Amino acid sequence: MPGDYQAFLKEYQQNLAEFNKEWNQVRREFEQADKEYRKELKELRRKNASLFK
């Protein structure tokens, strides 16, 4: 039984490491998209405000 536990633990740790790697990639992509979106939104607000001067 301890051997099964060790194998399970090793597989679990590998799966967790892979998940974290994928999650970090998705998070970076989201943060980049969010940054671009906020930049565009700021520009649109600036243009919109200039229409009402």
PDB file of N, CA and C in Angstrom:
ATOM      1  N   MET A   1       0.814  -1.208   0.000  1.00  0.00           N
ATOM      2  CA  MET A   1       0.000   0.000   0.000  1.00  0.00           C
ATOM      3  C   MET A   1       0.855   1.270   0.000  1.00  0.00           C
ATOM      4  N   PRO A   2       1.938   1.336   0.797  1.00  0.00           N
ATOM      5  CA  PRO A   2       2.757   2.547   0.756  1.00  0.00           C
ATOM      6  C   PRO A   2       3.318   2.834  -0.635  1.00  0.00           C
ATOM      7  N   GLY A   3       3.639   1.781  -1.402  1.00  0.00           N
ATOM      8  CA  GLY A   3       4.120   1.971  -2.773  1.00  0.00           C
ATOM      9  C   GLY A   3       3.064   2.630  -3.639  1.00  0.00           C
ATOM     10  N   ASP A   4       1.813   2.214  -3.478  1.00  0.00           N
ATOM     11  CA  ASP A   4       0.713   2.820  -4.222  1.00  0.00           C
ATOM     12  C   ASP A   4       0.577   4.286  -3.852  1.00  0.00           C
ATOM     13  N   TYR A   5       0.751   4.560  -2.570  1.00  0.00           N
ATOM     14  CA  TYR A   5       0.640   5.938  -2.111  1.00  0.00           C
ATOM     15  C   TYR A   5       1.740   6.797  -2.703  1.00  0.00           C
ATOM     16  N   GLN A   6       2.960   6.259  -2.735  1.00  0.00           N
ATOM     17  CA  GLN A   6       4.086   7.005  -3.300  1.00  0.00           C
ATOM     18  C   GLN A   6       3.863   7.283  -4.784  1.00  0.00           C
ATOM     19  N   ALA A   7       3.369   6.282  -5.510  1.00  0.00           N
ATOM     20  CA  ALA A   7       3.087   6.449  -6.941  1.00  0.00           C
ATOM     21  C   ALA A   7       1.988   7.492  -7.132  1.00  0.00           C
ATOM     22  N   PHE A   8       0.950   7.413  -6.310  1.00  0.00           N
ATOM     23  CA  PHE A   8      -0.142   8.382  -6.390  1.00  0.00           C
ATOM     24  C   PHE A   8       0.379   9.791  -6.112  1.00  0.00           C
ATOM     25  N   LEU A   9       1.186   9.909  -5.079  1.00  0.00           N
ATOM     26  CA  LEU A   9       1.709  11.222  -4.700  1.00  0.00           C
ATOM     27  C   LEU A   9       2.581  11.796  -5.811  1.00  0.00           C
ATOM     28  N   LYS A  10       3.409  10.967  -6.418  1.00  0.00           N
ATOM     29  CA  LYS A  10       4.275  11.427  -7.508  1.00  0.00           C
ATOM     30  C   LYS A  10       3.431  11.896  -8.697  1.00  0.00           C
ATOM     31  N   GLU A  11       2.433  11.107  -9.057  1.00  0.00           N
ATOM     32  CA  GLU A  11       1.566  11.481 -10.180  1.00  0.00           C
ATOM     33  C   GLU A  11       0.798  12.760  -9.857  1.00  0.00           C
ATOM     34  N   TYR A  12       0.323  12.866  -8.627  1.00  0.00           N
ATOM     35  CA  TYR A  12      -0.408  14.063  -8.203  1.00  0.00           C
ATOM     36  C   TYR A  12       0.479  15.303  -8.314  1.00  0.00           C
ATOM     37  N   GLN A  13       1.718  15.188  -7.856  1.00  0.00           N
ATOM     38  CA  GLN A  13       2.640  16.322  -7.917  1.00  0.00           C
ATOM     39  C   GLN A  13       2.954  16.699  -9.361  1.00  0.00           C
ATOM     40  N   GLN A  14       3.103  15.715 -10.226  1.00  0.00           N
ATOM     41  CA  GLN A  14       3.356  15.999 -11.641  1.00  0.00           C
ATOM     42  C   GLN A  14       2.151  16.693 -12.279  1.00  0.00           C
ATOM     43  N   ASN A  15       0.958  16.193 -11.955  1.00  0.00           N
ATOM     44  CA  ASN A  15      -0.258  16.807 -12.496  1.00  0.00           C
ATOM     45  C   ASN A  15      -0.405  18.237 -11.990  1.00  0.00           C
ATOM     46  N   LEU A  16      -0.103  18.451 -10.736  1.00  0.00           N
ATOM     47  CA  LEU A  16      -0.204  19.786 -10.157  1.00  0.00           C
ATOM     48  C   LEU A  16       0.794  20.735 -10.815  1.00  0.00           C
ATOM     49  N   ALA A  17       2.000  20.271 -11.045  1.00  0.00           N
ATOM     50  CA  ALA A  17       3.015  21.098 -11.699  1.00  0.00           C
ATOM     51  C   ALA A  17       2.578  21.462 -13.120  1.00  0.00           C
ATOM     52  N   GLU A  18       2.021  20.508 -13.839  1.00  0.00           N
ATOM     53  CA  GLU A  18       1.543  20.769 -15.203  1.00  0.00           C
ATOM     54  C   GLU A  18       0.375  21.754 -15.179  1.00  0.00           C
ATOM     55  N   PHE A  19      -0.536  21.551 -14.253  1.00  0.00           N
ATOM     56  CA  PHE A  19      -1.671  22.470 -14.124  1.00  0.00           C
ATOM     57  C   PHE A  19      -1.189  23.880 -13.824  1.00  0.00           C
ATOM     58  N   ASN A  20      -0.244  24.014 -12.895  1.00  0.00           N
ATOM     59  CA  ASN A  20       0.276  25.339 -12.546  1.00  0.00           C
ATOM     60  C   ASN A  20       0.944  26.000 -13.744  1.00  0.00           C
ATOM     61  N   LYS A  21       1.674  25.221 -14.525  1.00  0.00           N
ATOM     62  CA  LYS A  21       2.330  25.754 -15.717  1.00  0.00           C
ATOM     63  C   LYS A  21       1.281  26.283 -16.699  1.00  0.00           C
ATOM     64  N   GLU A  22       0.248  25.501 -16.943  1.00  0.00           N
ATOM     65  CA  GLU A  22      -0.819  25.919 -17.860  1.00  0.00           C
ATOM     66  C   GLU A  22      -1.570  27.121 -17.297  1.00  0.00           C
ATOM     67  N   TRP A  23      -1.868  27.084 -16.008  1.00  0.00           N
ATOM     68  CA  TRP A  23      -2.594  28.182 -15.380  1.00  0.00           C
ATOM     69  C   TRP A  23      -1.811  29.488 -15.487  1.00  0.00           C
ATOM     70  N   ASN A  24      -0.508  29.439 -15.233  1.00  0.00           N
ATOM     71  CA  ASN A  24       0.320  30.636 -15.319  1.00  0.00           C
ATOM     72  C   ASN A  24       0.334  31.200 -16.733  1.00  0.00           C
ATOM     73  N   GLN A  25       0.348  30.316 -17.734  1.00  0.00           N
ATOM     74  CA  GLN A  25       0.313  30.771 -19.131  1.00  0.00           C
ATOM     75  C   GLN A  25      -1.014  31.477 -19.426  1.00  0.00           C
ATOM     76  N   VAL A  26      -2.102  30.869 -19.001  1.00  0.00           N
ATOM     77  CA  VAL A  26      -3.428  31.477 -19.213  1.00  0.00           C
ATOM     78  C   VAL A  26      -3.513  32.816 -18.490  1.00  0.00           C
ATOM     79  N   ARG A  27      -3.001  32.870 -17.268  1.00  0.00           N
ATOM     80  CA  ARG A  27      -3.034  34.110 -16.482  1.00  0.00           C
ATOM     81  C   ARG A  27      -2.235  35.210 -17.179  1.00  0.00           C
ATOM     82  N   ARG A  28      -1.053  34.864 -17.693  1.00  0.00           N
ATOM     83  CA  ARG A  28      -0.240  35.866 -18.413  1.00  0.00           C
ATOM     84  C   ARG A  28      -0.970  36.376 -19.649  1.00  0.00           C
ATOM     85  N   GLU A  29      -1.592  35.463 -20.391  1.00  0.00           N
ATOM     86  CA  GLU A  29      -2.335  35.872 -21.581  1.00  0.00           C
ATOM     87  C   GLU A  29      -3.501  36.779 -21.204  1.00  0.00           C
ATOM     88  N   PHE A  30      -4.211  36.432 -20.149  1.00  0.00           N
ATOM     89  CA  PHE A  30      -5.320  37.264 -19.700  1.00  0.00           C
ATOM     90  C   PHE A  30      -4.835  38.643 -19.267  1.00  0.00           C
ATOM     91  N   GLU A  31      -3.762  38.675 -18.495  1.00  0.00           N
ATOM     92  CA  GLU A  31      -3.247  39.961 -18.022  1.00  0.00           C
ATOM     93  C   GLU A  31      -2.815  40.842 -19.182  1.00  0.00           C
ATOM     94  N   GLN A  32      -2.223  40.250 -20.215  1.00  0.00           N
ATOM     95  CA  GLN A  32      -1.819  41.024 -21.397  1.00  0.00           C
ATOM     96  C   GLN A  32      -3.055  41.559 -22.122  1.00  0.00           C
ATOM     97  N   ALA A  33      -4.057  40.704 -22.306  1.00  0.00           N
ATOM     98  CA  ALA A  33      -5.291  41.133 -22.977  1.00  0.00           C
ATOM     99  C   ALA A  33      -5.981  42.220 -22.165  1.00  0.00           C
ATOM    100  N   ASP A  34      -5.996  42.075 -20.842  1.00  0.00           N
ATOM    101  CA  ASP A  34      -6.616  43.074 -19.971  1.00  0.00           C
ATOM    102  C   ASP A  34      -5.886  44.412 -20.077  1.00  0.00           C
ATOM    103  N   LYS A  35      -4.569  44.359 -20.130  1.00  0.00           N
ATOM    104  CA  LYS A  35      -3.760  45.571 -20.253  1.00  0.00           C
ATOM    105  C   LYS A  35      -4.084  46.291 -21.567  1.00  0.00           C
ATOM    106  N   GLU A  36      -4.171  45.525 -22.660  1.00  0.00           N
ATOM    107  CA  GLU A  36      -4.494  46.114 -23.955  1.00  0.00           C
ATOM    108  C   GLU A  36      -5.910  46.683 -23.953  1.00  0.00           C
ATOM    109  N   TYR A  37      -6.851  45.944 -23.369  1.00  0.00           N
ATOM    110  CA  TYR A  37      -8.231  46.415 -23.284  1.00  0.00           C
ATOM    111  C   TYR A  37      -8.314  47.728 -22.517  1.00  0.00           C
ATOM    112  N   ARG A  38      -7.646  47.803 -21.376  1.00  0.00           N
ATOM    113  CA  ARG A  38      -7.679  49.032 -20.571  1.00  0.00           C
ATOM    114  C   ARG A  38      -7.052  50.208 -21.310  1.00  0.00           C
ATOM    115  N   LYS A  39      -5.996  49.930 -22.070  1.00  0.00           N
ATOM    116  CA  LYS A  39      -5.346  50.977 -22.859  1.00  0.00           C
ATOM    117  C   LYS A  39      -6.308  51.505 -23.922  1.00  0.00           C
ATOM    118  N   GLU A  40      -6.990  50.580 -24.623  1.00  0.00           N
ATOM    119  CA  GLU A  40      -7.956  50.979 -25.636  1.00  0.00           C
ATOM    120  C   GLU A  40      -9.122  51.736 -25.021  1.00  0.00           C
ATOM    121  N   LEU A  41      -9.600  51.272 -23.881  1.00  0.00           N
ATOM    122  CA  LEU A  41     -10.712  51.934 -23.207  1.00  0.00           C
ATOM    123  C   LEU A  41     -10.333  53.352 -22.800  1.00  0.00           C
ATOM    124  N   LYS A  42      -9.131  53.515 -22.293  1.00  0.00           N
ATOM    125  CA  LYS A  42      -8.647  54.839 -21.904  1.00  0.00           C
ATOM    126  C   LYS A  42      -8.619  55.770 -23.111  1.00  0.00           C
ATOM    127  N   GLU A  43      -8.135  55.258 -24.242  1.00  0.00           N
ATOM    128  CA  GLU A  43      -8.076  56.052 -25.473  1.00  0.00           C
ATOM    129  C   GLU A  43      -9.485  56.415 -25.954  1.00  0.00           C
ATOM    130  N   LEU A  44     -10.406  55.454 -25.897  1.00  0.00           N
ATOM    131  CA  LEU A  44     -11.782  55.740 -26.317  1.00  0.00           C
ATOM    132  C   LEU A  44     -12.432  56.788 -25.414  1.00  0.00           C
ATOM    133  N   ARG A  45     -12.182  56.708 -24.125  1.00  0.00           N
ATOM    134  CA  ARG A  45     -12.736  57.706 -23.196  1.00  0.00           C
ATOM    135  C   ARG A  45     -12.157  59.087 -23.484  1.00  0.00           C
ATOM    136  N   ARG A  46     -10.861  59.119 -23.806  1.00  0.00           N
ATOM    137  CA  ARG A  46     -10.229  60.394 -24.133  1.00  0.00           C
ATOM    138  C   ARG A  46     -10.860  60.988 -25.403  1.00  0.00           C
ATOM    139  N   LYS A  47     -11.037  60.153 -26.438  1.00  0.00           N
ATOM    140  CA  LYS A  47     -11.653  60.622 -27.683  1.00  0.00           C
ATOM    141  C   LYS A  47     -13.086  61.060 -27.446  1.00  0.00           C
ATOM    142  N   ASN A  48     -13.804  60.304 -26.645  1.00  0.00           N
ATOM    143  CA  ASN A  48     -15.193  60.644 -26.352  1.00  0.00           C
ATOM    144  C   ASN A  48     -15.287  61.976 -25.624  1.00  0.00           C
ATOM    145  N   ALA A  49     -14.411  62.185 -24.658  1.00  0.00           N
ATOM    146  CA  ALA A  49     -14.420  63.436 -23.904  1.00  0.00           C
ATOM    147  C   ALA A  49     -14.120  64.621 -24.820  1.00  0.00           C
ATOM    148  N   SER A  50     -13.239  64.406 -25.810  1.00  0.00           N
ATOM    149  CA  SER A  50     -12.899  65.516 -26.704  1.00  0.00           C
ATOM    150  C   SER A  50     -14.071  65.917 -27.606  1.00  0.00           C
ATOM    151  N   LEU A  51     -15.013  65.020 -27.771  1.00  0.00           N
ATOM    152  CA  LEU A  51     -16.189  65.350 -28.589  1.00  0.00           C
ATOM    153  C   LEU A  51     -17.118  66.327 -27.877  1.00  0.00           C
ATOM    154  N   PHE A  52     -17.037  66.382 -26.582  1.00  0.00           N
ATOM    155  CA  PHE A  52     -17.974  67.196 -25.791  1.00  0.00           C
ATOM    156  C   PHE A  52     -17.327  68.445 -25.220  1.00  0.00           C
ATOM    157  N   LYS A  53     -16.195  68.859 -25.776  1.00  0.00           N
ATOM    158  CA  LYS A  53     -15.543  70.071 -25.286  1.00  0.00           C
ATOM    159  C   LYS A  53     -16.220  71.302 -25.838  1.00  0.00           C
TER     160      LYS A  53
END
